[in-house]
Amino acid sequence: MKKTESKKSPIHTSIAPWLTVGNALSAVDFYKSAFGAVETYRLETPEGLVVRLAVDGAEFWISGGYTDGDSSTGAVGGDSVRMILTVADPDALFEKALRAGASQIFPVGEAHGWRLGRLSDPFGLHWEIGHLLSGQ
């Protein structure tokens, strides 16, 4: 009997942020609505929820409890974690995130070679949405 070889996809090195929030279900819904995130993995256990999301192939993870309880890791967010989401049209995605419930920290503008704005999501995490300007 001949052994068959399974063809697996190669594993590529990557770094993906893992965001811990008090209400993972609400966070997943927010990121889908605000950024057009797509759910690529979900693990539900009695201890909580773990979800991998992707925005145009850029992946990040969300975990936390099912309800608005305290995170077991303590307080996170604000300036302790800042995500940079690089997109072709930061103005449109920034406005979409605001409509989904984010709060503006500073509007999209041009500075330091970037077109960029910063917002805070409903879970206290800061997101800078923008892109490097051409020629930089």
Protein backbone atom coordinates (compact mmCIF):
# COMPACT_ATOMS: atom_id res chain seq x y z
CA MET A 1 0.00 0.00 0.00
CA LYS A 2 1.44 3.34 -1.07
CA LYS A 3 1.49 6.16 1.45
CA THR A 4 -0.24 9.27 0.13
CA GLU A 5 1.24 12.65 0.79
CA SER A 6 -1.03 15.40 1.94
CA LYS A 7 -0.34 18.77 0.45
CA LYS A 8 -0.42 21.39 3.16
CA SER A 9 -0.20 25.10 2.64
CA PRO A 10 3.18 26.49 3.61
CA ILE A 11 3.35 28.28 6.94
CA HIS A 12 4.43 31.88 6.57
CA THR A 13 5.85 33.94 9.41
CA SER A 14 3.45 36.63 10.56
CA ILE A 15 2.58 38.71 13.58
CA ALA A 16 -1.07 39.24 14.46
CA PRO A 17 -2.27 41.33 17.41
CA TRP A 18 -4.50 39.67 19.99
CA LEU A 19 -6.96 42.09 21.60
CA THR A 20 -8.57 41.14 24.90
CA VAL A 21 -11.84 42.92 25.65
CA GLY A 22 -14.62 42.50 28.18
CA ASN A 23 -17.25 41.60 25.59
CA ALA A 24 -15.81 39.65 22.66
CA LEU A 25 -19.18 39.16 20.95
CA SER A 26 -19.79 42.91 20.83
CA ALA A 27 -16.22 43.52 19.67
CA VAL A 28 -16.52 41.04 16.80
CA ASP A 29 -19.76 42.68 15.69
CA PHE A 30 -18.19 46.14 15.91
CA TYR A 31 -15.11 45.23 13.84
CA LYS A 32 -17.27 43.57 11.20
CA SER A 33 -19.45 46.68 10.98
CA ALA A 34 -16.72 49.32 11.33
CA PHE A 35 -13.90 47.79 9.28
CA GLY A 36 -15.61 45.15 7.14
CA ALA A 37 -13.75 42.43 9.05
CA VAL A 38 -14.36 38.82 8.09
CA GLU A 39 -14.40 36.05 10.69
CA THR A 40 -11.87 33.33 9.80
CA TYR A 41 -11.82 31.28 13.02
CA ARG A 42 -14.02 30.92 16.10
CA LEU A 43 -13.56 28.94 19.30
CA GLU A 44 -16.31 29.06 21.91
CA THR A 45 -15.64 27.55 25.33
CA PRO A 46 -17.30 27.93 28.74
CA GLU A 47 -14.46 30.33 29.64
CA GLY A 48 -15.11 32.68 26.73
CA LEU A 49 -14.69 33.31 23.05
CA VAL A 50 -11.68 33.51 20.72
CA VAL A 51 -12.13 34.83 17.17
CA ARG A 52 -9.66 35.54 14.37
CA LEU A 53 -10.75 38.38 12.09
CA ALA A 54 -9.26 39.68 8.84
CA VAL A 55 -9.55 43.05 7.13
CA ASP A 56 -8.45 42.60 3.51
CA GLY A 57 -6.13 39.79 4.65
CA ALA A 58 -4.68 41.65 7.67
CA GLU A 59 -5.47 39.38 10.62
CA PHE A 60 -6.03 40.05 14.30
CA TRP A 61 -7.54 38.10 17.18
CA ILE A 62 -10.23 38.98 19.72
CA SER A 63 -10.89 37.21 23.01
CA GLY A 64 -12.87 37.82 26.15
CA GLY A 65 -15.95 36.79 28.02
CA TYR A 66 -19.44 36.53 26.62
CA THR A 67 -20.84 39.41 28.63
CA ASP A 68 -19.75 42.85 29.74
CA GLY A 69 -17.61 41.57 32.59
CA ASP A 70 -14.10 42.53 33.53
CA SER A 71 -11.27 41.10 31.48
CA SER A 72 -9.19 38.60 33.43
CA THR A 73 -6.04 40.37 32.24
CA GLY A 74 -6.95 43.71 33.77
CA ALA A 75 -7.29 47.03 32.03
CA VAL A 76 -5.96 47.34 28.49
CA GLY A 77 -6.47 49.85 25.74
CA GLY A 78 -6.08 53.54 25.18
CA ASP A 79 -2.47 54.44 24.59
CA SER A 80 -1.18 51.10 25.93
CA VAL A 81 -2.26 49.49 22.65
CA ARG A 82 -2.48 51.32 19.34
CA MET A 83 -3.41 49.52 16.15
CA ILE A 84 -2.41 50.90 12.75
CA LEU A 85 -4.80 49.84 10.00
CA THR A 86 -3.29 50.70 6.62
CA VAL A 87 -5.93 51.06 3.91
CA ALA A 88 -6.23 52.68 0.48
CA ASP A 89 -9.12 54.98 1.51
CA PRO A 90 -8.69 55.99 5.16
CA ASP A 91 -11.37 58.70 4.95
CA ALA A 92 -14.12 56.24 4.01
CA LEU A 93 -13.15 53.59 6.56
CA PHE A 94 -12.73 56.19 9.31
CA GLU A 95 -16.26 57.51 8.67
CA LYS A 96 -17.64 53.96 8.58
CA ALA A 97 -16.02 53.23 11.97
CA LEU A 98 -17.49 56.43 13.46
CA ARG A 99 -20.96 55.44 12.24
CA ALA A 100 -20.46 52.01 13.84
CA GLY A 101 -19.77 53.57 17.26
CA ALA A 102 -16.11 54.60 17.37
CA SER A 103 -15.07 57.99 18.84
CA GLN A 104 -12.77 60.36 17.00
CA ILE A 105 -9.48 61.24 18.69
CA PHE A 106 -8.22 63.24 15.73
CA PRO A 107 -9.65 63.46 12.20
CA VAL A 108 -8.02 62.09 9.06
CA GLY A 109 -5.45 64.56 7.79
CA GLU A 110 -1.93 64.71 6.42
CA ALA A 111 1.14 64.89 8.65
CA HIS A 112 4.58 63.32 8.82
CA GLY A 113 4.17 61.72 5.37
CA TRP A 114 0.91 59.95 6.21
CA ARG A 115 -2.79 60.45 5.56
CA LEU A 116 -4.06 59.32 8.94
CA GLY A 117 -6.73 59.70 11.61
CA ARG A 118 -7.09 58.18 15.07
CA LEU A 119 -10.19 56.84 16.78
CA SER A 120 -11.09 54.89 19.88
CA ASP A 121 -13.31 51.85 19.50
CA PRO A 122 -16.12 51.15 22.00
CA PHE A 123 -13.70 48.93 23.97
CA GLY A 124 -11.12 51.68 24.60
CA LEU A 125 -8.57 50.55 21.99
CA HIS A 126 -6.99 53.17 19.74
CA TRP A 127 -6.89 52.67 15.96
CA GLU A 128 -4.91 54.80 13.55
CA ILE A 129 -6.38 54.44 10.06
CA GLY A 130 -4.40 55.68 7.11
CA HIS A 131 -1.60 55.12 4.65
CA LEU A 132 1.83 56.39 3.79
CA LEU A 133 1.69 59.13 1.18
CA SER A 134 3.40 58.37 -2.12
CA GLY A 135 7.01 59.41 -2.36
CA GLN A 136 7.61 58.83 1.36
